[in-house]
Amino acid sequence: MAWALRAPVVLHRRFDPERALATVAGHRDAVVFAVPVMVQRILDLPERVRRRHDASSLRFVALSGTALPGDLATRFMDAFGDRLYNVYGTTEASWVSIATPRDLRTDPRTAGRPPRNTALAILDARGRPLGRSTIGEIHAANELLFEGYTGGEPVEVRDGLLATGDLGHIDHRGLLFVDGRRDGMVVSGGENVVPRDVEDALLRLPQVAEAAVVGVPDDAWGQRLAAYLVLRPGARLRPDEVRAYVHAQVARYAVPRDVHFLAELPRNATGKVVHRWLADAARPQRPQPEGRVPWPHPAPDARPWPPREATPRAG
């Protein structure tokens, strides 16, 4: 899009929050495309550091890649103005919905509404439409749908609508909310738990900077919830304090029985939390040689966030 508009593109090999602000200040009519963790780290900068850089040239920030946590959108707009857009989509379907600043002021977690020429539906497992505020599988269709996978893997399409693989619901105002991956729903003792609701409750704790919740095997309940928390500098929390706080926010069966504290959440190269690595991240790590990455490495592009600088080879 930038090339089509003949707009300059500035690429940083490694994300640094202050450098990002300095770049915005150095350009006219700046537009930023980012993942939510980048915005979070800009907001975590001390106020005196943020004031060094005049961000008045910022036209808008478009976030995508993962759901917006807690009140991140509201806090960013309070600091930088109503210039934030939340874009939900998939590689296969391109964009599915866009939340404008007005939508995010209504509810900072929303993924917004489908743009023109995009159809959106929430269906049950049998492909039947679900009512408002009922969680189901997100399906979408537009002029940008892909034709299929090169490997010939099956594509799930119902009445021309492509399954995104995510769960979500549409509220009474017509706003879409993405509740997590279809394979990420936790069933504990017969109760369905949406991890994102628990994560948002955890993020309301002032000591918590980042949170991730997953289901782990449990002999008695099938699955139980495990919470992985990154605390703010200097903050202290005990697992029982975390459980007591969450118990006051959500149903009893949604309280995480396992609480782990990490120095950072494991992320891939694009800044997404890789939930399948969390159990390994919580285990005590052996000392690593210089340059070794402590997280598992199942894929070539899987690296901790922020990505490490490449080391030039001799010669």
Foldseek 3Di string as FASTA:
>chain_A
DCVVVVHDDDDDPFDDLLVVLQVLLVDAQDEEEAAQVSLLVNLVDDPVSNVVGDNLRHQAYEYEDDWHAALSLVVSCVVHNQRYKYFYDDPQAHTQAMAGSVNCVVPVGFRHAGDPQKDKFFAAPVRHGDDAPDKGWIWMHGPRGDPDDPVPDDWDADPRTGTPQWIWGAHPVRTIGTQGGPVQWDQWQNDTDRFSQLQNLLVVPQQFSGKGKGWDQDPPTRTAIAMETETDPPDDDDLVRSQVSSVVVDPNRNRGPHYAYANDAFFFQRRDGDVVQVVVRRDDFDDDPPPDARTDDPDPRGGGPPHDDDDDDDD
